[in-house]
Amino acid sequence: MAEGIDRSPPRDALVHASPSLVLLEIDGHTASAFVATGQGHLVTSLHAVAGARLIHAVMADGTRAEVAQVAAMDDRRDLAILRLPVTDLAPPLGLTPAPLPAEGDTVYVLRAGAGPAPEVRSQQVRAVQVLGDWLTLLELTRTLPEESSGGPVLDTSGAVVGVATAALANGRSLGLVIPTRYIAPLLRGSAASPLSALEAPRRRAGRVRQVPQHPLSLLEGATTETLESIATTLGHAINAGAPAYNRGDVDGCYRLYARTAERLIDTCHAFPGAQRALRDGLTRCVDLPDSDDRAWALRDTFDGLLDVIGRWLQIRPEASRIARPSAALPKRYLN
């Protein structure tokens, strides 16, 4: 089935889902959401509401309500649970457990609109991406409009299998589906926070990478063997630190990166340029306010060194006979 606006998903499922869809008006832009419980919990994409100062929810029947509470957030999986001020504004959309669609399967992305009928787009699953024990997601064959973020995704039987998100990964726009199994734990709590709680994820989502662009002269006097060893050490640190960060252990990630930088400084006496780059990264951390910023400062430092080492290995004749080390940098699928 070709991607595009489609009216062919199971009719009963669409009729059942439509009243639960909610259009979110957020500081001049819109996103999709859906009611998930009888207590008025709204499921949406965290990046769509991050930093919001004012959110209005528009129900399928046109009823409007101001959203002032955040029930839960999952920064790692780009999920947010908001709470409506009244519990009976819209019926909840059941999240019955269903098998995750496989590669090549068709799914239907529902996007909330100003009227009672949602826009429905059919897509195929390009791949099932397992990023670790913390996240499995679906990558779709086509991108999604940003306004689709937060909308429910149905399988061919009409079951809700996930939440749509328009994402950016490795400089490429993607359409993703976050499985519904990650929603249930967020609905169990009874805590409520003001909208100001959404400011921290906005700051993280808007982070500007500051990866140094080093000249090749930084590695003057280097040997292929030693540079490969440095690249392998940096790659191992990233492969251990990034999952820790994604699990929420931000301070552990930073401390791992800092120990790696200090160890390499102690062993890179023959390459003062590399030592200087690592020291600059550690020095930059001193004036940063928290472990989150410090972890990213050192990640930028590591990526800058990996880049210049990669360029050095490509142009050195002796390097062409030796396989370049793989840092196996983790993909960043979510915003």
C-alpha atoms as a PDB file:
ATOM      1  CA  MET A   1       0.000   0.000   0.000  1.00  0.00           C
ATOM      2  CA  ALA A   2       1.468   3.340  -0.982  1.00  0.00           C
ATOM      3  CA  GLU A   3       2.318   5.842   1.729  1.00  0.00           C
ATOM      4  CA  GLY A   4      -0.025   8.770   1.970  1.00  0.00           C
ATOM      5  CA  ILE A   5      -3.447   9.814   3.170  1.00  0.00           C
ATOM      6  CA  ASP A   6      -5.428   6.602   3.447  1.00  0.00           C
ATOM      7  CA  ARG A   7      -9.005   5.729   4.412  1.00  0.00           C
ATOM      8  CA  SER A   8      -8.588   1.971   4.547  1.00  0.00           C
ATOM      9  CA  PRO A   9      -7.556   0.994   8.102  1.00  0.00           C
ATOM     10  CA  PRO A  10     -10.130  -1.097  10.012  1.00  0.00           C
ATOM     11  CA  ARG A  11     -13.201   1.110  10.110  1.00  0.00           C
ATOM     12  CA  ASP A  12     -14.339   0.011  13.553  1.00  0.00           C
ATOM     13  CA  ALA A  13     -10.916   0.752  15.009  1.00  0.00           C
ATOM     14  CA  LEU A  14     -10.832   4.204  13.453  1.00  0.00           C
ATOM     15  CA  VAL A  15     -14.328   5.020  14.712  1.00  0.00           C
ATOM     16  CA  HIS A  16     -13.283   3.864  18.164  1.00  0.00           C
ATOM     17  CA  ALA A  17      -9.997   5.805  18.185  1.00  0.00           C
ATOM     18  CA  SER A  18     -11.153   9.123  16.724  1.00  0.00           C
ATOM     19  CA  PRO A  19     -12.951  10.542  19.815  1.00  0.00           C
ATOM     20  CA  SER A  20      -9.825   9.909  21.909  1.00  0.00           C
ATOM     21  CA  LEU A  21      -7.534  11.981  19.708  1.00  0.00           C
ATOM     22  CA  VAL A  22      -6.547  15.431  20.929  1.00  0.00           C
ATOM     23  CA  LEU A  23      -5.000  18.341  19.052  1.00  0.00           C
ATOM     24  CA  LEU A  24      -2.441  20.175  21.182  1.00  0.00           C
ATOM     25  CA  GLU A  25      -1.918  23.887  20.544  1.00  0.00           C
ATOM     26  CA  ILE A  26       1.519  24.715  21.932  1.00  0.00           C
ATOM     27  CA  ASP A  27       3.036  28.186  21.780  1.00  0.00           C
ATOM     28  CA  GLY A  28       2.225  28.684  18.109  1.00  0.00           C
ATOM     29  CA  HIS A  29       2.529  25.127  16.794  1.00  0.00           C
ATOM     30  CA  THR A  30       0.464  21.956  17.047  1.00  0.00           C
ATOM     31  CA  ALA A  31       1.007  18.295  17.902  1.00  0.00           C
ATOM     32  CA  SER A  32      -1.111  15.213  18.338  1.00  0.00           C
ATOM     33  CA  ALA A  33      -2.026  13.394  21.534  1.00  0.00           C
ATOM     34  CA  PHE A  34      -4.553  10.873  22.755  1.00  0.00           C
ATOM     35  CA  VAL A  35      -6.401  10.198  25.989  1.00  0.00           C
ATOM     36  CA  ALA A  36      -5.119   6.986  27.587  1.00  0.00           C
ATOM     37  CA  THR A  37      -6.994   6.700  30.902  1.00  0.00           C
ATOM     38  CA  GLY A  38     -10.264   7.638  32.529  1.00  0.00           C
ATOM     39  CA  GLN A  39      -8.294  10.035  34.735  1.00  0.00           C
ATOM     40  CA  GLY A  40      -7.588  12.306  31.770  1.00  0.00           C
ATOM     41  CA  HIS A  41      -3.986  11.288  31.028  1.00  0.00           C
ATOM     42  CA  LEU A  42      -2.816  12.519  27.632  1.00  0.00           C
ATOM     43  CA  VAL A  43      -0.022  10.695  25.802  1.00  0.00           C
ATOM     44  CA  THR A  44       2.170  12.693  23.413  1.00  0.00           C
ATOM     45  CA  SER A  45       5.782  13.152  22.283  1.00  0.00           C
ATOM     46  CA  LEU A  46       8.009  14.906  24.785  1.00  0.00           C
ATOM     47  CA  HIS A  47       9.897  16.915  22.172  1.00  0.00           C
ATOM     48  CA  ALA A  48       6.596  18.369  20.926  1.00  0.00           C
ATOM     49  CA  VAL A  49       5.752  19.918  24.309  1.00  0.00           C
ATOM     50  CA  ALA A  50       9.246  20.505  25.722  1.00  0.00           C
ATOM     51  CA  GLY A  51       9.566  24.054  27.027  1.00  0.00           C
ATOM     52  CA  ALA A  52       5.854  24.804  26.523  1.00  0.00           C
ATOM     53  CA  ARG A  53       4.478  27.676  28.587  1.00  0.00           C
ATOM     54  CA  LEU A  54       0.887  27.318  27.416  1.00  0.00           C
ATOM     55  CA  ILE A  55      -0.895  24.220  26.091  1.00  0.00           C
ATOM     56  CA  HIS A  56      -4.495  24.008  24.948  1.00  0.00           C
ATOM     57  CA  ALA A  57      -6.078  20.645  24.230  1.00  0.00           C
ATOM     58  CA  VAL A  58      -8.774  20.534  21.540  1.00  0.00           C
ATOM     59  CA  MET A  59     -11.004  17.451  21.656  1.00  0.00           C
ATOM     60  CA  ALA A  60     -12.481  15.807  18.584  1.00  0.00           C
ATOM     61  CA  ASP A  61     -15.868  17.431  19.360  1.00  0.00           C
ATOM     62  CA  GLY A  62     -14.282  20.890  19.522  1.00  0.00           C
ATOM     63  CA  THR A  63     -14.154  21.194  23.316  1.00  0.00           C
ATOM     64  CA  ARG A  64     -11.102  23.148  24.485  1.00  0.00           C
ATOM     65  CA  ALA A  65      -9.258  22.903  27.773  1.00  0.00           C
ATOM     66  CA  GLU A  66      -6.028  24.349  29.106  1.00  0.00           C
ATOM     67  CA  VAL A  67      -3.455  21.760  30.152  1.00  0.00           C
ATOM     68  CA  ALA A  68      -1.543  22.819  33.241  1.00  0.00           C
ATOM     69  CA  GLN A  69      -0.134  19.578  34.640  1.00  0.00           C
ATOM     70  CA  VAL A  70       2.580  17.128  33.609  1.00  0.00           C
ATOM     71  CA  ALA A  71       2.020  13.644  35.022  1.00  0.00           C
ATOM     72  CA  ALA A  72       5.206  11.963  33.775  1.00  0.00           C
ATOM     73  CA  MET A  73       8.073  12.275  31.290  1.00  0.00           C
ATOM     74  CA  ASP A  74      10.422   9.768  29.690  1.00  0.00           C
ATOM     75  CA  ASP A  75      13.245  11.724  28.130  1.00  0.00           C
ATOM     76  CA  ARG A  76      14.995   8.631  26.781  1.00  0.00           C
ATOM     77  CA  ARG A  77      11.955   7.478  24.803  1.00  0.00           C
ATOM     78  CA  ASP A  78      10.520  10.901  23.892  1.00  0.00           C
ATOM     79  CA  LEU A  79       7.253  10.370  25.798  1.00  0.00           C
ATOM     80  CA  ALA A  80       5.238  12.798  27.893  1.00  0.00           C
ATOM     81  CA  ILE A  81       2.055  12.261  29.908  1.00  0.00           C
ATOM     82  CA  LEU A  82      -0.032  15.378  30.438  1.00  0.00           C
ATOM     83  CA  ARG A  83      -3.237  15.602  32.466  1.00  0.00           C
ATOM     84  CA  LEU A  84      -6.505  17.205  31.427  1.00  0.00           C
ATOM     85  CA  PRO A  85      -8.192  19.411  34.052  1.00  0.00           C
ATOM     86  CA  VAL A  86     -11.427  17.396  33.723  1.00  0.00           C
ATOM     87  CA  THR A  87     -11.526  13.616  33.466  1.00  0.00           C
ATOM     88  CA  ASP A  88     -14.507  13.125  31.148  1.00  0.00           C
ATOM     89  CA  LEU A  89     -13.639  15.398  28.247  1.00  0.00           C
ATOM     90  CA  ALA A  90     -12.856  12.467  25.923  1.00  0.00           C
ATOM     91  CA  PRO A  91     -12.986   8.667  26.151  1.00  0.00           C
ATOM     92  CA  PRO A  92      -9.707   6.820  26.740  1.00  0.00           C
ATOM     93  CA  LEU A  93      -8.108   4.838  23.949  1.00  0.00           C
ATOM     94  CA  GLY A  94      -7.380   1.342  25.180  1.00  0.00           C
ATOM     95  CA  LEU A  95      -3.781   0.154  25.065  1.00  0.00           C
ATOM     96  CA  THR A  96      -4.340  -3.579  24.889  1.00  0.00           C
ATOM     97  CA  PRO A  97      -1.013  -5.429  24.498  1.00  0.00           C
ATOM     98  CA  ALA A  98      -0.409  -6.397  20.876  1.00  0.00           C
ATOM     99  CA  PRO A  99       2.540  -7.919  18.986  1.00  0.00           C
ATOM    100  CA  LEU A 100       4.942  -5.349  17.600  1.00  0.00           C
ATOM    101  CA  PRO A 101       4.695  -5.120  13.785  1.00  0.00           C
ATOM    102  CA  ALA A 102       7.571  -6.624  11.853  1.00  0.00           C
ATOM    103  CA  GLU A 103       9.659  -5.311   8.969  1.00  0.00           C
ATOM    104  CA  GLY A 104       7.433  -4.772   5.920  1.00  0.00           C
ATOM    105  CA  ASP A 105       4.164  -4.653   7.895  1.00  0.00           C
ATOM    106  CA  THR A 106       1.683  -1.832   7.341  1.00  0.00           C
ATOM    107  CA  VAL A 107       0.781   0.553  10.151  1.00  0.00           C
ATOM    108  CA  TYR A 108      -1.534   3.556  10.312  1.00  0.00           C
ATOM    109  CA  VAL A 109      -0.457   6.875  11.817  1.00  0.00           C
ATOM    110  CA  LEU A 110      -3.331   8.995  13.152  1.00  0.00           C
ATOM    111  CA  ARG A 111      -2.852  12.741  13.258  1.00  0.00           C
ATOM    112  CA  ALA A 112      -5.265  14.894  15.268  1.00  0.00           C
ATOM    113  CA  GLY A 113      -6.938  17.749  13.432  1.00  0.00           C
ATOM    114  CA  ALA A 114      -9.372  20.545  14.110  1.00  0.00           C
ATOM    115  CA  GLY A 115     -12.369  18.347  13.245  1.00  0.00           C
ATOM    116  CA  PRO A 116     -13.711  15.010  14.472  1.00  0.00           C
ATOM    117  CA  ALA A 117     -11.981  12.913  11.780  1.00  0.00           C
ATOM    118  CA  PRO A 118      -8.208  12.444  12.076  1.00  0.00           C
ATOM    119  CA  GLU A 119      -5.832  12.355   9.150  1.00  0.00           C
ATOM    120  CA  VAL A 120      -4.723   8.764   8.570  1.00  0.00           C
ATOM    121  CA  ARG A 121      -1.460   7.832   6.867  1.00  0.00           C
ATOM    122  CA  SER A 122      -0.428   4.323   5.954  1.00  0.00           C
ATOM    123  CA  GLN A 123       3.237   3.439   6.182  1.00  0.00           C
ATOM    124  CA  GLN A 124       5.384   0.358   6.090  1.00  0.00           C
ATOM    125  CA  VAL A 125       7.883  -0.612   8.765  1.00  0.00           C
ATOM    126  CA  ARG A 126      11.380  -0.226   7.345  1.00  0.00           C
ATOM    127  CA  ALA A 127      13.118  -1.840  10.295  1.00  0.00           C
ATOM    128  CA  VAL A 128      12.723  -2.865  13.916  1.00  0.00           C
ATOM    129  CA  GLN A 129      15.580  -1.073  15.658  1.00  0.00           C
ATOM    130  CA  VAL A 130      16.866  -2.534  18.942  1.00  0.00           C
ATOM    131  CA  LEU A 131      18.982   0.168  20.574  1.00  0.00           C
ATOM    132  CA  GLY A 132      19.612  -1.849  23.733  1.00  0.00           C
ATOM    133  CA  ASP A 133      17.539  -3.162  26.593  1.00  0.00           C
ATOM    134  CA  TRP A 134      16.200   0.348  27.137  1.00  0.00           C
ATOM    135  CA  LEU A 135      14.495   0.815  23.763  1.00  0.00           C
ATOM    136  CA  THR A 136      13.158  -1.046  20.754  1.00  0.00           C
ATOM    137  CA  LEU A 137      11.422   1.100  18.150  1.00  0.00           C
ATOM    138  CA  LEU A 138      10.023   0.944  14.635  1.00  0.00           C
ATOM    139  CA  GLU A 139      11.598   2.952  11.834  1.00  0.00           C
ATOM    140  CA  LEU A 140       9.091   3.762   9.089  1.00  0.00           C
ATOM    141  CA  THR A 141       9.768   3.968   5.374  1.00  0.00           C
ATOM    142  CA  ARG A 142       8.860   7.651   5.146  1.00  0.00           C
ATOM    143  CA  THR A 143       9.156  10.751   7.275  1.00  0.00           C
ATOM    144  CA  LEU A 144       6.229  12.142   9.254  1.00  0.00           C
ATOM    145  CA  PRO A 145       4.889  15.689   9.525  1.00  0.00           C
ATOM    146  CA  GLU A 146       5.954  17.213  12.829  1.00  0.00           C
ATOM    147  CA  GLU A 147       2.263  17.647  13.736  1.00  0.00           C
ATOM    148  CA  SER A 148       1.913  13.840  13.744  1.00  0.00           C
ATOM    149  CA  SER A 149       4.246  13.524  16.720  1.00  0.00           C
ATOM    150  CA  GLY A 150       2.316  12.161  19.684  1.00  0.00           C
ATOM    151  CA  GLY A 151      -0.428  10.509  17.658  1.00  0.00           C
ATOM    152  CA  PRO A 152      -1.365   6.832  18.065  1.00  0.00           C
ATOM    153  CA  VAL A 153      -0.191   4.234  15.553  1.00  0.00           C
ATOM    154  CA  LEU A 154      -2.496   1.293  14.717  1.00  0.00           C
ATOM    155  CA  ASP A 155      -1.671  -2.063  13.208  1.00  0.00           C
ATOM    156  CA  THR A 156      -3.813  -3.761  10.556  1.00  0.00           C
ATOM    157  CA  SER A 157      -6.065  -5.263  13.236  1.00  0.00           C
ATOM    158  CA  GLY A 158      -6.733  -1.841  14.723  1.00  0.00           C
ATOM    159  CA  ALA A 159      -4.664  -2.301  17.889  1.00  0.00           C
ATOM    160  CA  VAL A 160      -2.621   0.656  19.154  1.00  0.00           C
ATOM    161  CA  VAL A 161       1.001  -0.433  18.802  1.00  0.00           C
ATOM    162  CA  GLY A 162       2.821   2.801  19.531  1.00  0.00           C
ATOM    163  CA  VAL A 163       3.231   6.568  19.464  1.00  0.00           C
ATOM    164  CA  ALA A 164       4.352   8.379  16.325  1.00  0.00           C
ATOM    165  CA  THR A 165       7.318  10.716  16.469  1.00  0.00           C
ATOM    166  CA  ALA A 166       8.988  12.827  13.800  1.00  0.00           C
ATOM    167  CA  ALA A 167      12.658  12.527  14.694  1.00  0.00           C
ATOM    168  CA  LEU A 168      16.114  13.529  13.556  1.00  0.00           C
ATOM    169  CA  ALA A 169      18.894  10.931  13.579  1.00  0.00           C
ATOM    170  CA  ASN A 170      22.420  11.456  12.313  1.00  0.00           C
ATOM    171  CA  GLY A 171      21.264  14.526  10.373  1.00  0.00           C
ATOM    172  CA  ARG A 172      18.390  12.641   8.715  1.00  0.00           C
ATOM    173  CA  SER A 173      14.633  13.105   9.235  1.00  0.00           C
ATOM    174  CA  LEU A 174      12.833   9.903  10.213  1.00  0.00           C
ATOM    175  CA  GLY A 175       9.383   8.618  11.043  1.00  0.00           C
ATOM    176  CA  LEU A 176       9.498   6.474  14.190  1.00  0.00           C
ATOM    177  CA  VAL A 177       7.081   4.558  16.381  1.00  0.00           C
ATOM    178  CA  ILE A 178       7.692   4.210  20.130  1.00  0.00           C
ATOM    179  CA  PRO A 179       5.953   0.985  21.289  1.00  0.00           C
ATOM    180  CA  THR A 180       3.038   1.236  23.713  1.00  0.00           C
ATOM    181  CA  ARG A 181       4.756  -0.984  26.283  1.00  0.00           C
ATOM    182  CA  TYR A 182       6.781   2.013  27.402  1.00  0.00           C
ATOM    183  CA  ILE A 183       3.620   4.020  28.165  1.00  0.00           C
ATOM    184  CA  ALA A 184       2.078   1.812  30.870  1.00  0.00           C
ATOM    185  CA  PRO A 185       4.719   2.522  33.567  1.00  0.00           C
ATOM    186  CA  LEU A 186       4.246   6.258  33.059  1.00  0.00           C
ATOM    187  CA  LEU A 187       0.494   6.003  33.697  1.00  0.00           C
ATOM    188  CA  ARG A 188       0.814   4.315  37.087  1.00  0.00           C
ATOM    189  CA  GLY A 189       2.072   7.266  39.080  1.00  0.00           C
ATOM    190  CA  SER A 190      -0.147   9.892  40.682  1.00  0.00           C
ATOM    191  CA  ALA A 191       2.373  12.747  40.757  1.00  0.00           C
ATOM    192  CA  ALA A 192       1.675  15.989  38.936  1.00  0.00           C
ATOM    193  CA  SER A 193       4.062  18.805  38.059  1.00  0.00           C
ATOM    194  CA  PRO A 194       3.481  22.242  36.526  1.00  0.00           C
ATOM    195  CA  LEU A 195       4.317  22.944  32.887  1.00  0.00           C
ATOM    196  CA  SER A 196       7.623  24.422  34.015  1.00  0.00           C
ATOM    197  CA  ALA A 197       8.816  20.806  34.364  1.00  0.00           C
ATOM    198  CA  LEU A 198       8.979  20.728  30.559  1.00  0.00           C
ATOM    199  CA  GLU A 199      11.779  23.314  30.470  1.00  0.00           C
ATOM    200  CA  ALA A 200      14.636  20.881  31.219  1.00  0.00           C
ATOM    201  CA  PRO A 201      13.852  18.583  28.256  1.00  0.00           C
ATOM    202  CA  ARG A 202      13.604  21.645  25.990  1.00  0.00           C
ATOM    203  CA  ARG A 203      17.088  22.695  26.999  1.00  0.00           C
ATOM    204  CA  ARG A 204      18.448  19.225  26.310  1.00  0.00           C
ATOM    205  CA  ALA A 205      16.610  18.933  22.987  1.00  0.00           C
ATOM    206  CA  GLY A 206      17.972  22.305  21.888  1.00  0.00           C
ATOM    207  CA  ARG A 207      21.555  21.477  22.765  1.00  0.00           C
ATOM    208  CA  VAL A 208      24.051  22.654  20.159  1.00  0.00           C
ATOM    209  CA  ARG A 209      26.951  20.262  19.673  1.00  0.00           C
ATOM    210  CA  GLN A 210      30.396  21.863  19.884  1.00  0.00           C
ATOM    211  CA  VAL A 211      32.588  19.235  18.280  1.00  0.00           C
ATOM    212  CA  PRO A 212      36.092  20.679  17.677  1.00  0.00           C
ATOM    213  CA  GLN A 213      37.381  20.651  14.097  1.00  0.00           C
ATOM    214  CA  HIS A 214      41.066  19.846  14.538  1.00  0.00           C
ATOM    215  CA  PRO A 215      43.719  20.240  11.821  1.00  0.00           C
ATOM    216  CA  LEU A 216      45.750  17.161  10.960  1.00  0.00           C
ATOM    217  CA  SER A 217      48.785  18.889  12.455  1.00  0.00           C
ATOM    218  CA  LEU A 218      47.274  18.111  15.869  1.00  0.00           C
ATOM    219  CA  LEU A 219      48.567  14.542  15.434  1.00  0.00           C
ATOM    220  CA  GLU A 220      52.087  15.452  14.354  1.00  0.00           C
ATOM    221  CA  GLY A 221      54.485  12.629  15.180  1.00  0.00           C
ATOM    222  CA  ALA A 222      51.698  10.081  15.631  1.00  0.00           C
ATOM    223  CA  THR A 223      51.892   6.458  14.570  1.00  0.00           C
ATOM    224  CA  THR A 224      49.051   4.434  13.136  1.00  0.00           C
ATOM    225  CA  GLU A 225      49.207   1.854  15.922  1.00  0.00           C
ATOM    226  CA  THR A 226      48.966   4.425  18.690  1.00  0.00           C
ATOM    227  CA  LEU A 227      46.159   6.385  17.025  1.00  0.00           C
ATOM    228  CA  GLU A 228      44.162   3.210  16.514  1.00  0.00           C
ATOM    229  CA  SER A 229      44.623   2.450  20.195  1.00  0.00           C
ATOM    230  CA  ILE A 230      43.395   5.930  21.171  1.00  0.00           C
ATOM    231  CA  ALA A 231      40.394   5.643  18.842  1.00  0.00           C
ATOM    232  CA  THR A 232      39.516   2.231  20.270  1.00  0.00           C
ATOM    233  CA  THR A 233      39.702   3.582  23.827  1.00  0.00           C
ATOM    234  CA  LEU A 234      37.447   6.520  22.942  1.00  0.00           C
ATOM    235  CA  GLY A 235      35.021   4.231  21.137  1.00  0.00           C
ATOM    236  CA  HIS A 236      34.802   1.868  24.115  1.00  0.00           C
ATOM    237  CA  ALA A 237      34.121   4.813  26.435  1.00  0.00           C
ATOM    238  CA  ILE A 238      31.311   6.094  24.203  1.00  0.00           C
ATOM    239  CA  ASN A 239      29.800   2.632  23.824  1.00  0.00           C
ATOM    240  CA  ALA A 240      29.675   2.308  27.616  1.00  0.00           C
ATOM    241  CA  GLY A 241      28.834   5.912  28.463  1.00  0.00           C
ATOM    242  CA  ALA A 242      25.999   6.482  25.982  1.00  0.00           C
ATOM    243  CA  PRO A 243      23.829   3.596  27.301  1.00  0.00           C
ATOM    244  CA  ALA A 244      24.467   4.766  30.875  1.00  0.00           C
ATOM    245  CA  TYR A 245      23.335   8.267  29.877  1.00  0.00           C
ATOM    246  CA  ASN A 246      20.227   6.861  28.195  1.00  0.00           C
ATOM    247  CA  ARG A 247      19.389   4.900  31.360  1.00  0.00           C
ATOM    248  CA  GLY A 248      19.447   8.151  33.293  1.00  0.00           C
ATOM    249  CA  ASP A 249      22.897   7.718  34.865  1.00  0.00           C
ATOM    250  CA  VAL A 250      24.157  11.041  33.544  1.00  0.00           C
ATOM    251  CA  ASP A 251      26.732  11.514  36.300  1.00  0.00           C
ATOM    252  CA  GLY A 252      28.076   8.003  35.719  1.00  0.00           C
ATOM    253  CA  CYS A 253      28.461   8.762  32.015  1.00  0.00           C
ATOM    254  CA  TYR A 254      30.352  11.974  32.773  1.00  0.00           C
ATOM    255  CA  ARG A 255      32.658  10.295  35.289  1.00  0.00           C
ATOM    256  CA  LEU A 256      33.449   7.502  32.808  1.00  0.00           C
ATOM    257  CA  TYR A 257      34.311  10.036  30.105  1.00  0.00           C
ATOM    258  CA  ALA A 258      36.424  12.070  32.540  1.00  0.00           C
ATOM    259  CA  ARG A 259      38.395   8.999  33.678  1.00  0.00           C
ATOM    260  CA  THR A 260      38.993   8.031  30.061  1.00  0.00           C
ATOM    261  CA  ALA A 261      40.276  11.508  29.196  1.00  0.00           C
ATOM    262  CA  GLU A 262      42.576  11.561  32.238  1.00  0.00           C
ATOM    263  CA  ARG A 263      43.961   8.093  31.439  1.00  0.00           C
ATOM    264  CA  LEU A 264      44.703   9.029  27.844  1.00  0.00           C
ATOM    265  CA  ILE A 265      46.396  12.272  28.920  1.00  0.00           C
ATOM    266  CA  ASP A 266      48.711  10.215  31.142  1.00  0.00           C
ATOM    267  CA  THR A 267      49.614   7.845  28.286  1.00  0.00           C
ATOM    268  CA  CYS A 268      49.829  10.262  25.295  1.00  0.00           C
ATOM    269  CA  HIS A 269      53.116  11.991  26.156  1.00  0.00           C
ATOM    270  CA  ALA A 270      54.381  11.540  22.597  1.00  0.00           C
ATOM    271  CA  PHE A 271      51.365  13.384  21.159  1.00  0.00           C
ATOM    272  CA  PRO A 272      51.013  16.773  22.885  1.00  0.00           C
ATOM    273  CA  GLY A 273      48.271  17.819  20.467  1.00  0.00           C
ATOM    274  CA  ALA A 274      45.979  14.998  21.568  1.00  0.00           C
ATOM    275  CA  GLN A 275      46.820  15.704  25.206  1.00  0.00           C
ATOM    276  CA  ARG A 276      45.977  19.352  24.714  1.00  0.00           C
ATOM    277  CA  ALA A 277      42.620  18.540  23.106  1.00  0.00           C
ATOM    278  CA  LEU A 278      41.666  16.267  26.009  1.00  0.00           C
ATOM    279  CA  ARG A 279      42.799  18.822  28.600  1.00  0.00           C
ATOM    280  CA  ASP A 280      40.753  21.493  26.845  1.00  0.00           C
ATOM    281  CA  GLY A 281      37.690  19.254  27.148  1.00  0.00           C
ATOM    282  CA  LEU A 282      38.256  18.713  30.867  1.00  0.00           C
ATOM    283  CA  THR A 283      38.903  22.422  31.405  1.00  0.00           C
ATOM    284  CA  ARG A 284      35.650  23.284  29.631  1.00  0.00           C
ATOM    285  CA  CYS A 285      33.804  21.079  32.128  1.00  0.00           C
ATOM    286  CA  VAL A 286      34.957  23.153  35.100  1.00  0.00           C
ATOM    287  CA  ASP A 287      32.616  26.060  34.362  1.00  0.00           C
ATOM    288  CA  LEU A 288      29.606  23.974  33.298  1.00  0.00           C
ATOM    289  CA  PRO A 289      26.627  23.808  35.682  1.00  0.00           C
ATOM    290  CA  ASP A 290      25.809  20.092  35.798  1.00  0.00           C
ATOM    291  CA  SER A 291      26.842  16.566  34.820  1.00  0.00           C
ATOM    292  CA  ASP A 292      24.604  16.640  31.748  1.00  0.00           C
ATOM    293  CA  ASP A 293      26.496  19.549  30.214  1.00  0.00           C
ATOM    294  CA  ARG A 294      29.860  18.115  31.279  1.00  0.00           C
ATOM    295  CA  ALA A 295      29.096  14.704  29.757  1.00  0.00           C
ATOM    296  CA  TRP A 296      28.259  16.342  26.421  1.00  0.00           C
ATOM    297  CA  ALA A 297      31.358  18.555  26.565  1.00  0.00           C
ATOM    298  CA  LEU A 298      33.558  15.465  26.818  1.00  0.00           C
ATOM    299  CA  ARG A 299      31.537  13.616  24.185  1.00  0.00           C
ATOM    300  CA  ASP A 300      32.175  16.553  21.848  1.00  0.00           C
ATOM    301  CA  THR A 301      35.879  16.340  22.744  1.00  0.00           C
ATOM    302  CA  PHE A 302      35.965  12.619  21.961  1.00  0.00           C
ATOM    303  CA  ASP A 303      34.084  13.022  18.666  1.00  0.00           C
ATOM    304  CA  GLY A 304      36.490  15.775  17.593  1.00  0.00           C
ATOM    305  CA  LEU A 305      39.473  13.507  18.217  1.00  0.00           C
ATOM    306  CA  LEU A 306      37.829  10.549  16.473  1.00  0.00           C
ATOM    307  CA  ASP A 307      37.173  12.749  13.456  1.00  0.00           C
ATOM    308  CA  VAL A 308      40.754  13.964  13.093  1.00  0.00           C
ATOM    309  CA  ILE A 309      42.135  10.472  13.717  1.00  0.00           C
ATOM    310  CA  GLY A 310      39.845   9.111  11.019  1.00  0.00           C
ATOM    311  CA  ARG A 311      41.019  11.753   8.543  1.00  0.00           C
ATOM    312  CA  TRP A 312      44.677  11.083   9.431  1.00  0.00           C
ATOM    313  CA  LEU A 313      44.294   7.347   8.876  1.00  0.00           C
ATOM    314  CA  GLN A 314      42.632   7.893   5.490  1.00  0.00           C
ATOM    315  CA  ILE A 315      45.500   9.873   3.999  1.00  0.00           C
ATOM    316  CA  ARG A 316      48.497   8.047   5.482  1.00  0.00           C
ATOM    317  CA  PRO A 317      49.884   5.380   3.099  1.00  0.00           C
ATOM    318  CA  GLU A 318      50.742   3.031   5.940  1.00  0.00           C
ATOM    319  CA  ALA A 319      47.216   3.312   7.296  1.00  0.00           C
ATOM    320  CA  SER A 320      45.661   2.013   4.086  1.00  0.00           C
ATOM    321  CA  ARG A 321      46.960  -1.477   4.870  1.00  0.00           C
ATOM    322  CA  ILE A 322      45.440  -1.502   8.316  1.00  0.00           C
ATOM    323  CA  ALA A 323      41.735  -1.642   9.045  1.00  0.00           C
ATOM    324  CA  ARG A 324      40.443   1.526  10.602  1.00  0.00           C
ATOM    325  CA  PRO A 325      39.087   0.941  14.120  1.00  0.00           C
ATOM    326  CA  SER A 326      35.360   1.124  14.522  1.00  0.00           C
ATOM    327  CA  ALA A 327      34.126   3.348  17.319  1.00  0.00           C
ATOM    328  CA  ALA A 328      30.612   1.939  16.807  1.00  0.00           C
ATOM    329  CA  LEU A 329      29.071   5.263  17.668  1.00  0.00           C
ATOM    330  CA  PRO A 330      25.471   4.819  18.875  1.00  0.00           C
ATOM    331  CA  LYS A 331      22.662   6.126  16.715  1.00  0.00           C
ATOM    332  CA  ARG A 332      20.684   9.034  18.123  1.00  0.00           C
ATOM    333  CA  TYR A 333      17.165   8.328  16.981  1.00  0.00           C
ATOM    334  CA  LEU A 334      15.194  10.576  19.283  1.00  0.00           C
ATOM    335  CA  ASN A 335      15.121  14.355  19.432  1.00  0.00           C
END
